[in-house]
Amino acid sequence: MTRLLIVGPQGSGKGTQGVRIAQAFGIPAISTGDVFRAAVADGSPLGKQVKAVIDAGSLVSDELTGAVVRERLSQQDAADGFLLDGYPRNIAQVGNLDEFLEGRQESLDAVIELDVPRDESIARLTRRAAEQGRADDTEEVIANRLAIYERETAPILEVYRTRGLLDRIDGVGSLDEITARIIAALEARGLVRAATV
């Protein structure tokens, strides 16, 4: 049973590292973006609500996000653990997740913070935008997204730090170096990697 959360600003590489860490521990990586897309594709009642909000160009509310994530965490593959990426992203969502896990007599085992300097995040995102031809990802748009992260998501790190769950990982280096740092921190907490097949 390994229940993890990975947090970091846009461009920190948390999506990539999340998948790697989830594979190492034999748990599903659950990214909110993927969960939203899957719910919409399913056409479930929740998915229809999410689609309506996204089609209107609005942000999905905390309540709806929580409902979609809870539905995903209730699926069989997440019974023995999970890695959450992109949720919770603010203090209210931390409360929602706490309530859900407490209802199942569960709790998080660790929260991984990928620490990347702001200028490094901007450089990575600008490079990615150019590679993927995303003209809308201007430096201004990227800086705005990072400001939202700093204002809304960064405060959740303090909550997890006071609970003794936070592992701050240097997010600069090669993919393998960063993965090794995360695994070492988790193993130091007594979390055991899945047996490789």
N, C-alpha and C. Protein backbone atom coordinates (compact mmCIF):
# COMPACT_ATOMS: atom_id res chain seq x y z
N MET A 1 0.84 -1.20 0.00
CA MET A 1 0.00 0.00 0.00
C MET A 1 0.88 1.25 0.00
N THR A 2 0.89 1.95 -1.10
CA THR A 2 1.67 3.19 -1.17
C THR A 2 0.77 4.28 -1.73
N ARG A 3 0.56 5.33 -0.93
CA ARG A 3 -0.29 6.43 -1.38
C ARG A 3 0.54 7.70 -1.43
N LEU A 4 0.73 8.20 -2.64
CA LEU A 4 1.64 9.32 -2.84
C LEU A 4 0.96 10.49 -3.53
N LEU A 5 1.58 11.64 -3.34
CA LEU A 5 1.15 12.84 -4.02
C LEU A 5 2.41 13.48 -4.57
N ILE A 6 2.40 13.92 -5.83
CA ILE A 6 3.55 14.63 -6.38
C ILE A 6 3.11 16.04 -6.72
N VAL A 7 3.91 17.02 -6.28
CA VAL A 7 3.55 18.42 -6.43
C VAL A 7 4.76 19.17 -7.01
N GLY A 8 4.48 20.10 -7.89
CA GLY A 8 5.57 20.92 -8.43
C GLY A 8 4.98 21.89 -9.42
N PRO A 9 5.70 22.98 -9.68
CA PRO A 9 5.19 23.95 -10.65
C PRO A 9 5.16 23.37 -12.06
N GLN A 10 4.41 24.02 -12.95
CA GLN A 10 4.42 23.60 -14.35
C GLN A 10 5.87 23.60 -14.82
N GLY A 11 6.22 22.58 -15.59
CA GLY A 11 7.59 22.51 -16.10
C GLY A 11 8.57 21.85 -15.14
N SER A 12 8.06 21.36 -13.99
CA SER A 12 8.96 20.72 -13.02
C SER A 12 9.23 19.27 -13.40
N GLY A 13 8.44 18.74 -14.34
CA GLY A 13 8.62 17.35 -14.75
C GLY A 13 7.82 16.37 -13.91
N LYS A 14 6.82 16.89 -13.17
CA LYS A 14 6.09 16.00 -12.25
C LYS A 14 5.28 14.93 -12.99
N GLY A 15 4.77 15.26 -14.19
CA GLY A 15 4.03 14.25 -14.96
C GLY A 15 4.92 13.07 -15.30
N THR A 16 6.09 13.36 -15.83
CA THR A 16 7.05 12.32 -16.22
C THR A 16 7.52 11.53 -15.01
N GLN A 17 7.92 12.26 -13.95
CA GLN A 17 8.41 11.58 -12.75
C GLN A 17 7.30 10.79 -12.06
N GLY A 18 6.08 11.35 -12.09
CA GLY A 18 4.96 10.66 -11.46
C GLY A 18 4.75 9.28 -12.06
N VAL A 19 4.80 9.20 -13.39
CA VAL A 19 4.61 7.92 -14.08
C VAL A 19 5.74 6.96 -13.70
N ARG A 20 6.97 7.48 -13.66
CA ARG A 20 8.13 6.62 -13.32
C ARG A 20 8.02 6.07 -11.89
N ILE A 21 7.65 6.94 -10.96
CA ILE A 21 7.56 6.54 -9.55
C ILE A 21 6.41 5.56 -9.36
N ALA A 22 5.28 5.83 -10.02
CA ALA A 22 4.12 4.93 -9.92
C ALA A 22 4.51 3.54 -10.41
N GLN A 23 5.25 3.48 -11.53
CA GLN A 23 5.68 2.18 -12.06
C GLN A 23 6.61 1.48 -11.06
N ALA A 24 7.52 2.24 -10.47
CA ALA A 24 8.48 1.66 -9.52
C ALA A 24 7.77 1.05 -8.31
N PHE A 25 6.65 1.66 -7.91
CA PHE A 25 5.94 1.18 -6.72
C PHE A 25 4.69 0.35 -7.06
N GLY A 26 4.48 0.13 -8.37
CA GLY A 26 3.38 -0.74 -8.79
C GLY A 26 2.00 -0.18 -8.49
N ILE A 27 1.86 1.13 -8.64
CA ILE A 27 0.57 1.78 -8.38
C ILE A 27 0.19 2.64 -9.59
N PRO A 28 -1.10 2.96 -9.76
CA PRO A 28 -1.48 3.81 -10.89
C PRO A 28 -1.10 5.28 -10.65
N ALA A 29 -0.62 5.94 -11.70
CA ALA A 29 -0.39 7.39 -11.64
C ALA A 29 -1.70 8.03 -12.07
N ILE A 30 -2.26 8.85 -11.20
CA ILE A 30 -3.57 9.45 -11.47
C ILE A 30 -3.40 10.95 -11.62
N SER A 31 -3.44 11.41 -12.87
CA SER A 31 -3.30 12.84 -13.14
C SER A 31 -4.70 13.42 -13.36
N THR A 32 -4.96 14.56 -12.74
CA THR A 32 -6.31 15.12 -12.86
C THR A 32 -6.69 15.38 -14.30
N GLY A 33 -5.75 15.86 -15.10
CA GLY A 33 -6.04 16.11 -16.51
C GLY A 33 -6.52 14.84 -17.20
N ASP A 34 -5.81 13.73 -16.95
CA ASP A 34 -6.18 12.44 -17.56
C ASP A 34 -7.55 11.98 -17.05
N VAL A 35 -7.79 12.18 -15.74
CA VAL A 35 -9.06 11.75 -15.14
C VAL A 35 -10.22 12.52 -15.76
N PHE A 36 -10.03 13.84 -15.95
CA PHE A 36 -11.07 14.66 -16.59
C PHE A 36 -11.34 14.16 -18.00
N ARG A 37 -10.27 13.93 -18.77
CA ARG A 37 -10.43 13.48 -20.16
C ARG A 37 -11.15 12.13 -20.21
N ALA A 38 -10.77 11.22 -19.28
CA ALA A 38 -11.40 9.89 -19.26
C ALA A 38 -12.88 10.01 -18.89
N ALA A 39 -13.20 10.87 -17.91
CA ALA A 39 -14.60 11.05 -17.48
C ALA A 39 -15.44 11.60 -18.63
N VAL A 40 -14.87 12.55 -19.36
CA VAL A 40 -15.59 13.14 -20.50
C VAL A 40 -15.80 12.08 -21.57
N ALA A 41 -14.74 11.30 -21.86
CA ALA A 41 -14.83 10.25 -22.88
C ALA A 41 -15.86 9.18 -22.50
N ASP A 42 -15.95 8.88 -21.21
CA ASP A 42 -16.91 7.87 -20.71
C ASP A 42 -18.35 8.32 -20.89
N GLY A 43 -18.53 9.65 -20.84
CA GLY A 43 -19.88 10.19 -20.93
C GLY A 43 -20.70 9.90 -19.66
N SER A 44 -19.98 9.65 -18.53
CA SER A 44 -20.68 9.43 -17.26
C SER A 44 -21.35 10.74 -16.83
N PRO A 45 -22.29 10.67 -15.88
CA PRO A 45 -22.92 11.93 -15.43
C PRO A 45 -21.88 12.96 -14.98
N LEU A 46 -20.86 12.50 -14.24
CA LEU A 46 -19.81 13.43 -13.81
C LEU A 46 -19.04 13.95 -15.02
N GLY A 47 -18.77 13.04 -15.97
CA GLY A 47 -18.04 13.43 -17.18
C GLY A 47 -18.78 14.51 -17.96
N LYS A 48 -20.11 14.38 -18.02
CA LYS A 48 -20.92 15.38 -18.73
C LYS A 48 -20.83 16.74 -18.05
N GLN A 49 -20.82 16.72 -16.71
CA GLN A 49 -20.67 17.99 -15.97
C GLN A 49 -19.32 18.63 -16.26
N VAL A 50 -18.26 17.79 -16.24
CA VAL A 50 -16.90 18.30 -16.51
C VAL A 50 -16.84 18.88 -17.91
N LYS A 51 -17.40 18.17 -18.89
CA LYS A 51 -17.37 18.62 -20.29
C LYS A 51 -18.05 19.97 -20.43
N ALA A 52 -19.21 20.14 -19.77
CA ALA A 52 -19.94 21.41 -19.86
C ALA A 52 -19.10 22.57 -19.33
N VAL A 53 -18.39 22.32 -18.21
CA VAL A 53 -17.55 23.36 -17.60
C VAL A 53 -16.38 23.71 -18.53
N ILE A 54 -15.71 22.66 -19.04
CA ILE A 54 -14.54 22.87 -19.91
C ILE A 54 -14.98 23.55 -21.22
N ASP A 55 -16.10 23.10 -21.79
CA ASP A 55 -16.60 23.70 -23.03
C ASP A 55 -16.90 25.19 -22.85
N ALA A 56 -17.30 25.55 -21.63
CA ALA A 56 -17.62 26.96 -21.35
C ALA A 56 -16.35 27.77 -21.09
N GLY A 57 -15.20 27.07 -21.09
CA GLY A 57 -13.92 27.75 -20.87
C GLY A 57 -13.68 28.10 -19.41
N SER A 58 -14.44 27.45 -18.51
CA SER A 58 -14.29 27.73 -17.08
C SER A 58 -13.38 26.69 -16.43
N LEU A 59 -12.96 27.00 -15.19
CA LEU A 59 -12.18 26.04 -14.42
C LEU A 59 -13.14 25.11 -13.70
N VAL A 60 -12.76 23.85 -13.60
CA VAL A 60 -13.59 22.88 -12.90
C VAL A 60 -13.54 23.19 -11.40
N SER A 61 -14.70 23.26 -10.76
CA SER A 61 -14.76 23.65 -9.34
C SER A 61 -14.10 22.60 -8.44
N ASP A 62 -13.76 23.02 -7.22
CA ASP A 62 -13.17 22.09 -6.24
C ASP A 62 -14.10 20.91 -6.00
N GLU A 63 -15.41 21.19 -5.89
CA GLU A 63 -16.38 20.13 -5.58
C GLU A 63 -16.40 19.09 -6.70
N LEU A 64 -16.48 19.57 -7.94
CA LEU A 64 -16.56 18.66 -9.08
C LEU A 64 -15.23 17.91 -9.26
N THR A 65 -14.11 18.62 -9.09
CA THR A 65 -12.80 17.97 -9.19
C THR A 65 -12.70 16.86 -8.15
N GLY A 66 -13.11 17.18 -6.91
CA GLY A 66 -13.06 16.19 -5.83
C GLY A 66 -13.90 14.97 -6.15
N ALA A 67 -15.09 15.20 -6.70
CA ALA A 67 -15.99 14.09 -7.03
C ALA A 67 -15.37 13.19 -8.09
N VAL A 68 -14.76 13.80 -9.11
CA VAL A 68 -14.15 13.03 -10.20
C VAL A 68 -12.95 12.22 -9.66
N VAL A 69 -12.13 12.87 -8.82
CA VAL A 69 -10.96 12.17 -8.26
C VAL A 69 -11.40 11.03 -7.33
N ARG A 70 -12.42 11.29 -6.50
CA ARG A 70 -12.92 10.24 -5.60
C ARG A 70 -13.42 9.03 -6.40
N GLU A 71 -14.14 9.32 -7.50
CA GLU A 71 -14.64 8.24 -8.35
C GLU A 71 -13.46 7.42 -8.90
N ARG A 72 -12.40 8.12 -9.32
CA ARG A 72 -11.22 7.43 -9.87
C ARG A 72 -10.50 6.61 -8.80
N LEU A 73 -10.37 7.18 -7.60
CA LEU A 73 -9.67 6.47 -6.51
C LEU A 73 -10.46 5.26 -6.02
N SER A 74 -11.76 5.22 -6.34
CA SER A 74 -12.60 4.09 -5.93
C SER A 74 -12.49 2.92 -6.89
N GLN A 75 -11.77 3.10 -8.01
CA GLN A 75 -11.62 2.00 -8.96
C GLN A 75 -10.64 0.96 -8.43
N GLN A 76 -10.80 -0.26 -8.91
CA GLN A 76 -10.07 -1.40 -8.38
C GLN A 76 -8.55 -1.23 -8.41
N ASP A 77 -8.02 -0.65 -9.49
CA ASP A 77 -6.55 -0.58 -9.61
C ASP A 77 -5.93 0.35 -8.57
N ALA A 78 -6.74 1.20 -7.94
CA ALA A 78 -6.21 2.13 -6.93
C ALA A 78 -6.42 1.61 -5.51
N ALA A 79 -6.93 0.38 -5.39
CA ALA A 79 -7.24 -0.18 -4.06
C ALA A 79 -5.97 -0.35 -3.22
N ASP A 80 -4.85 -0.64 -3.87
CA ASP A 80 -3.61 -0.87 -3.13
C ASP A 80 -2.65 0.31 -3.18
N GLY A 81 -3.18 1.46 -3.54
CA GLY A 81 -2.32 2.64 -3.57
C GLY A 81 -2.46 3.41 -4.86
N PHE A 82 -1.83 4.58 -4.88
CA PHE A 82 -1.94 5.47 -6.04
C PHE A 82 -0.91 6.58 -5.91
N LEU A 83 -0.67 7.24 -7.03
CA LEU A 83 0.13 8.46 -7.02
C LEU A 83 -0.74 9.54 -7.66
N LEU A 84 -1.04 10.57 -6.91
CA LEU A 84 -1.87 11.68 -7.42
C LEU A 84 -0.98 12.78 -7.98
N ASP A 85 -1.35 13.28 -9.15
CA ASP A 85 -0.61 14.37 -9.79
C ASP A 85 -1.64 15.42 -10.21
N GLY A 86 -1.54 16.61 -9.63
CA GLY A 86 -2.46 17.69 -10.01
C GLY A 86 -3.64 17.83 -9.06
N TYR A 87 -3.67 17.04 -8.00
CA TYR A 87 -4.73 17.12 -7.01
C TYR A 87 -4.17 16.62 -5.69
N PRO A 88 -4.38 17.29 -4.58
CA PRO A 88 -5.09 18.57 -4.45
C PRO A 88 -4.20 19.72 -4.91
N ARG A 89 -4.85 20.78 -5.44
CA ARG A 89 -4.06 21.93 -5.88
C ARG A 89 -4.34 23.19 -5.06
N ASN A 90 -5.16 23.07 -4.01
CA ASN A 90 -5.34 24.20 -3.09
C ASN A 90 -5.76 23.65 -1.73
N ILE A 91 -5.83 24.52 -0.73
CA ILE A 91 -6.11 24.10 0.64
C ILE A 91 -7.48 23.42 0.76
N ALA A 92 -8.50 23.95 0.07
CA ALA A 92 -9.83 23.35 0.14
C ALA A 92 -9.79 21.90 -0.35
N GLN A 93 -9.04 21.64 -1.41
CA GLN A 93 -8.95 20.29 -1.96
C GLN A 93 -8.19 19.35 -1.02
N VAL A 94 -7.25 19.89 -0.24
CA VAL A 94 -6.55 19.07 0.76
C VAL A 94 -7.59 18.53 1.75
N GLY A 95 -8.50 19.40 2.19
CA GLY A 95 -9.56 19.00 3.12
C GLY A 95 -10.45 17.93 2.52
N ASN A 96 -10.81 18.10 1.24
CA ASN A 96 -11.66 17.11 0.54
C ASN A 96 -10.97 15.74 0.48
N LEU A 97 -9.67 15.76 0.15
CA LEU A 97 -8.93 14.49 0.04
C LEU A 97 -8.79 13.85 1.42
N ASP A 98 -8.49 14.65 2.45
CA ASP A 98 -8.37 14.12 3.82
C ASP A 98 -9.65 13.40 4.21
N GLU A 99 -10.77 14.06 3.96
CA GLU A 99 -12.08 13.51 4.34
C GLU A 99 -12.34 12.17 3.64
N PHE A 100 -12.03 12.14 2.34
CA PHE A 100 -12.24 10.91 1.56
C PHE A 100 -11.37 9.77 2.09
N LEU A 101 -10.07 10.07 2.32
CA LEU A 101 -9.16 9.01 2.78
C LEU A 101 -9.52 8.55 4.19
N GLU A 102 -9.87 9.51 5.06
CA GLU A 102 -10.26 9.14 6.43
C GLU A 102 -11.48 8.22 6.41
N GLY A 103 -12.40 8.47 5.48
CA GLY A 103 -13.58 7.63 5.34
C GLY A 103 -13.23 6.20 4.97
N ARG A 104 -12.04 6.01 4.41
CA ARG A 104 -11.59 4.65 4.04
C ARG A 104 -10.50 4.16 5.00
N GLN A 105 -10.33 4.87 6.13
CA GLN A 105 -9.25 4.56 7.09
C GLN A 105 -7.88 4.52 6.39
N GLU A 106 -7.66 5.49 5.54
CA GLU A 106 -6.38 5.57 4.82
C GLU A 106 -5.78 6.96 5.03
N SER A 107 -4.49 7.06 4.66
CA SER A 107 -3.85 8.38 4.67
C SER A 107 -2.69 8.36 3.67
N LEU A 108 -2.21 9.52 3.32
CA LEU A 108 -1.07 9.59 2.41
C LEU A 108 0.19 9.10 3.13
N ASP A 109 1.09 8.48 2.35
CA ASP A 109 2.37 8.02 2.92
C ASP A 109 3.46 9.06 2.75
N ALA A 110 3.40 9.81 1.65
CA ALA A 110 4.43 10.82 1.40
C ALA A 110 3.94 11.78 0.33
N VAL A 111 4.48 12.99 0.40
CA VAL A 111 4.21 14.01 -0.61
C VAL A 111 5.56 14.44 -1.18
N ILE A 112 5.70 14.26 -2.49
CA ILE A 112 6.96 14.59 -3.17
C ILE A 112 6.83 15.99 -3.74
N GLU A 113 7.72 16.88 -3.35
CA GLU A 113 7.75 18.22 -3.95
C GLU A 113 8.94 18.29 -4.90
N LEU A 114 8.67 18.51 -6.17
CA LEU A 114 9.77 18.71 -7.12
C LEU A 114 10.13 20.19 -7.11
N ASP A 115 11.31 20.46 -6.61
CA ASP A 115 11.75 21.84 -6.42
C ASP A 115 12.57 22.27 -7.64
N VAL A 116 12.01 23.20 -8.40
CA VAL A 116 12.67 23.68 -9.62
C VAL A 116 12.64 25.21 -9.58
N PRO A 117 13.80 25.87 -9.78
CA PRO A 117 13.79 27.34 -9.79
C PRO A 117 12.84 27.88 -10.85
N ARG A 118 12.24 29.03 -10.57
CA ARG A 118 11.24 29.62 -11.46
C ARG A 118 11.78 29.81 -12.88
N ASP A 119 13.02 30.33 -13.00
CA ASP A 119 13.57 30.59 -14.35
C ASP A 119 13.78 29.28 -15.11
N GLU A 120 14.08 28.20 -14.38
CA GLU A 120 14.23 26.88 -15.02
C GLU A 120 12.88 26.39 -15.54
N SER A 121 11.82 26.56 -14.73
CA SER A 121 10.46 26.17 -15.17
C SER A 121 10.09 26.92 -16.43
N ILE A 122 10.32 28.24 -16.43
CA ILE A 122 9.96 29.08 -17.59
C ILE A 122 10.75 28.63 -18.82
N ALA A 123 12.05 28.37 -18.64
CA ALA A 123 12.88 27.93 -19.77
C ALA A 123 12.37 26.61 -20.34
N ARG A 124 12.04 25.66 -19.45
CA ARG A 124 11.55 24.35 -19.90
C ARG A 124 10.23 24.48 -20.64
N LEU A 125 9.31 25.28 -20.07
CA LEU A 125 7.98 25.43 -20.69
C LEU A 125 8.06 26.17 -22.02
N THR A 126 8.93 27.16 -22.10
CA THR A 126 9.11 27.92 -23.35
C THR A 126 9.67 26.99 -24.43
N ARG A 127 10.64 26.16 -24.02
CA ARG A 127 11.25 25.19 -24.96
C ARG A 127 10.19 24.19 -25.43
N ARG A 128 9.38 23.69 -24.49
CA ARG A 128 8.34 22.71 -24.82
C ARG A 128 7.31 23.34 -25.78
N ALA A 129 6.94 24.59 -25.51
CA ALA A 129 5.96 25.28 -26.36
C ALA A 129 6.50 25.38 -27.80
N ALA A 130 7.79 25.70 -27.92
CA ALA A 130 8.40 25.82 -29.25
C ALA A 130 8.43 24.46 -29.95
N GLU A 131 8.82 23.40 -29.19
CA GLU A 131 8.90 22.06 -29.77
C GLU A 131 7.53 21.56 -30.22
N GLN A 132 6.49 21.89 -29.44
CA GLN A 132 5.15 21.40 -29.74
C GLN A 132 4.33 22.40 -30.56
N GLY A 133 4.95 23.51 -30.93
CA GLY A 133 4.25 24.52 -31.73
C GLY A 133 3.08 25.14 -31.00
N ARG A 134 3.21 25.33 -29.67
CA ARG A 134 2.12 25.91 -28.90
C ARG A 134 2.33 27.42 -28.76
N ALA A 135 1.80 28.14 -29.75
CA ALA A 135 2.02 29.59 -29.79
C ALA A 135 1.37 30.31 -28.62
N ASP A 136 0.32 29.67 -28.02
CA ASP A 136 -0.38 30.33 -26.91
C ASP A 136 0.43 30.28 -25.61
N ASP A 137 1.46 29.41 -25.57
CA ASP A 137 2.29 29.33 -24.37
C ASP A 137 3.41 30.37 -24.41
N THR A 138 3.02 31.64 -24.32
CA THR A 138 4.01 32.71 -24.31
C THR A 138 4.63 32.79 -22.93
N GLU A 139 5.73 33.51 -22.82
CA GLU A 139 6.40 33.65 -21.53
C GLU A 139 5.46 34.29 -20.50
N GLU A 140 4.62 35.21 -20.99
CA GLU A 140 3.66 35.90 -20.11
C GLU A 140 2.62 34.91 -19.56
N VAL A 141 2.09 34.07 -20.44
CA VAL A 141 1.09 33.06 -20.04
C VAL A 141 1.72 32.09 -19.04
N ILE A 142 2.95 31.66 -19.34
CA ILE A 142 3.66 30.72 -18.47
C ILE A 142 3.90 31.35 -17.09
N ALA A 143 4.34 32.61 -17.08
CA ALA A 143 4.60 33.31 -15.81
C ALA A 143 3.31 33.42 -15.00
N ASN A 144 2.20 33.65 -15.69
CA ASN A 144 0.90 33.75 -15.01
C ASN A 144 0.52 32.42 -14.38
N ARG A 145 0.74 31.31 -15.12
CA ARG A 145 0.43 29.99 -14.58
C ARG A 145 1.27 29.68 -13.35
N LEU A 146 2.55 30.08 -13.41
CA LEU A 146 3.43 29.85 -12.26
C LEU A 146 2.98 30.69 -11.06
N ALA A 147 2.50 31.89 -11.33
CA ALA A 147 2.01 32.76 -10.25
C ALA A 147 0.80 32.13 -9.57
N ILE A 148 -0.09 31.51 -10.36
CA ILE A 148 -1.26 30.83 -9.80
C ILE A 148 -0.80 29.66 -8.92
N TYR A 149 0.19 28.92 -9.42
CA TYR A 149 0.74 27.80 -8.64
C TYR A 149 1.29 28.31 -7.30
N GLU A 150 2.09 29.39 -7.37
CA GLU A 150 2.71 29.93 -6.15
C GLU A 150 1.66 30.42 -5.16
N ARG A 151 0.58 30.99 -5.69
CA ARG A 151 -0.46 31.57 -4.82
C ARG A 151 -1.38 30.50 -4.24
N GLU A 152 -1.78 29.53 -5.08
CA GLU A 152 -2.81 28.58 -4.66
C GLU A 152 -2.29 27.22 -4.22
N THR A 153 -1.28 26.70 -4.95
CA THR A 153 -0.83 25.34 -4.67
C THR A 153 0.32 25.29 -3.68
N ALA A 154 1.28 26.21 -3.78
CA ALA A 154 2.43 26.18 -2.87
C ALA A 154 2.01 26.12 -1.39
N PRO A 155 0.93 26.82 -0.96
CA PRO A 155 0.55 26.74 0.46
C PRO A 155 0.20 25.33 0.95
N ILE A 156 -0.20 24.41 0.06
CA ILE A 156 -0.53 23.06 0.54
C ILE A 156 0.74 22.35 1.01
N LEU A 157 1.90 22.78 0.50
CA LEU A 157 3.15 22.12 0.88
C LEU A 157 3.41 22.30 2.37
N GLU A 158 3.06 23.48 2.88
CA GLU A 158 3.26 23.76 4.30
C GLU A 158 2.40 22.83 5.16
N VAL A 159 1.17 22.56 4.70
CA VAL A 159 0.27 21.64 5.42
C VAL A 159 0.94 20.27 5.53
N TYR A 160 1.46 19.77 4.40
CA TYR A 160 2.06 18.44 4.41
C TYR A 160 3.41 18.43 5.14
N ARG A 161 4.11 19.57 5.11
CA ARG A 161 5.39 19.66 5.85
C ARG A 161 5.12 19.51 7.35
N THR A 162 4.08 20.21 7.84
CA THR A 162 3.79 20.14 9.28
C THR A 162 3.34 18.73 9.68
N ARG A 163 2.79 17.98 8.73
CA ARG A 163 2.39 16.58 9.02
C ARG A 163 3.55 15.61 8.89
N GLY A 164 4.71 16.13 8.50
CA GLY A 164 5.89 15.27 8.36
C GLY A 164 5.86 14.38 7.13
N LEU A 165 5.07 14.77 6.12
CA LEU A 165 4.92 13.94 4.92
C LEU A 165 5.75 14.42 3.74
N LEU A 166 6.29 15.64 3.83
CA LEU A 166 6.88 16.27 2.63
C LEU A 166 8.33 15.87 2.41
N ASP A 167 8.64 15.44 1.19
CA ASP A 167 10.01 15.20 0.76
C ASP A 167 10.30 16.18 -0.36
N ARG A 168 11.20 17.13 -0.09
CA ARG A 168 11.54 18.13 -1.11
C ARG A 168 12.70 17.59 -1.93
N ILE A 169 12.46 17.44 -3.23
CA ILE A 169 13.44 16.82 -4.12
C ILE A 169 13.96 17.86 -5.12
N ASP A 170 15.28 17.90 -5.29
CA ASP A 170 15.87 18.78 -6.28
C ASP A 170 15.43 18.29 -7.66
N GLY A 171 14.66 19.13 -8.37
CA GLY A 171 14.09 18.72 -9.65
C GLY A 171 14.95 19.08 -10.85
N VAL A 172 16.23 19.43 -10.61
CA VAL A 172 17.13 19.77 -11.71
C VAL A 172 18.15 18.65 -11.87
N GLY A 173 18.30 18.18 -13.11
CA GLY A 173 19.24 17.09 -13.38
C GLY A 173 18.64 16.20 -14.46
N SER A 174 19.27 15.05 -14.70
CA SER A 174 18.73 14.14 -15.71
C SER A 174 17.49 13.45 -15.14
N LEU A 175 16.65 12.92 -16.03
CA LEU A 175 15.44 12.20 -15.59
C LEU A 175 15.80 11.11 -14.60
N ASP A 176 16.84 10.34 -14.91
CA ASP A 176 17.23 9.22 -14.05
C ASP A 176 17.73 9.69 -12.69
N GLU A 177 18.50 10.78 -12.68
CA GLU A 177 19.00 11.32 -11.40
C GLU A 177 17.84 11.73 -10.50
N ILE A 178 16.86 12.41 -11.09
CA ILE A 178 15.73 12.91 -10.29
C ILE A 178 14.89 11.73 -9.79
N THR A 179 14.65 10.74 -10.66
CA THR A 179 13.90 9.54 -10.25
C THR A 179 14.61 8.85 -9.08
N ALA A 180 15.94 8.73 -9.19
CA ALA A 180 16.73 8.06 -8.13
C ALA A 180 16.61 8.83 -6.81
N ARG A 181 16.61 10.16 -6.87
CA ARG A 181 16.47 10.97 -5.64
C ARG A 181 15.12 10.72 -4.98
N ILE A 182 14.06 10.67 -5.82
CA ILE A 182 12.71 10.48 -5.27
C ILE A 182 12.61 9.09 -4.63
N ILE A 183 13.08 8.07 -5.34
CA ILE A 183 12.98 6.70 -4.82
C ILE A 183 13.77 6.57 -3.52
N ALA A 184 14.96 7.18 -3.47
CA ALA A 184 15.77 7.12 -2.24
C ALA A 184 15.02 7.75 -1.06
N ALA A 185 14.35 8.89 -1.32
CA ALA A 185 13.60 9.56 -0.24
C ALA A 185 12.44 8.70 0.23
N LEU A 186 11.75 8.06 -0.71
CA LEU A 186 10.60 7.22 -0.35
C LEU A 186 11.05 5.96 0.39
N GLU A 187 12.16 5.37 -0.07
CA GLU A 187 12.67 4.17 0.60
C GLU A 187 13.15 4.52 2.01
N ALA A 188 13.67 5.74 2.19
CA ALA A 188 14.09 6.19 3.52
C ALA A 188 12.90 6.25 4.48
N ARG A 189 11.70 6.39 3.93
CA ARG A 189 10.48 6.39 4.74
C ARG A 189 9.96 4.97 4.98
N GLY A 190 10.66 3.98 4.41
CA GLY A 190 10.24 2.60 4.60
C GLY A 190 9.27 2.11 3.54
N LEU A 191 9.05 2.92 2.49
CA LEU A 191 8.17 2.47 1.41
C LEU A 191 8.94 1.52 0.51
N VAL A 192 8.29 0.45 0.11
CA VAL A 192 8.98 -0.62 -0.62
C VAL A 192 8.52 -0.63 -2.08
N ARG A 193 9.52 -0.67 -2.97
CA ARG A 193 9.22 -0.73 -4.40
C ARG A 193 8.59 -2.06 -4.77
N ALA A 194 7.80 -2.03 -5.83
CA ALA A 194 7.16 -3.25 -6.33
C ALA A 194 8.25 -4.18 -6.85
N ALA A 195 8.03 -5.48 -6.68
CA ALA A 195 8.98 -6.46 -7.23
C ALA A 195 8.91 -6.35 -8.75
N THR A 196 10.06 -6.24 -9.37
CA THR A 196 10.06 -6.12 -10.84
C THR A 196 9.82 -7.49 -11.45
N VAL A 197 9.02 -7.48 -12.49
CA VAL A 197 8.63 -8.74 -13.14
C VAL A 197 9.76 -9.21 -14.04
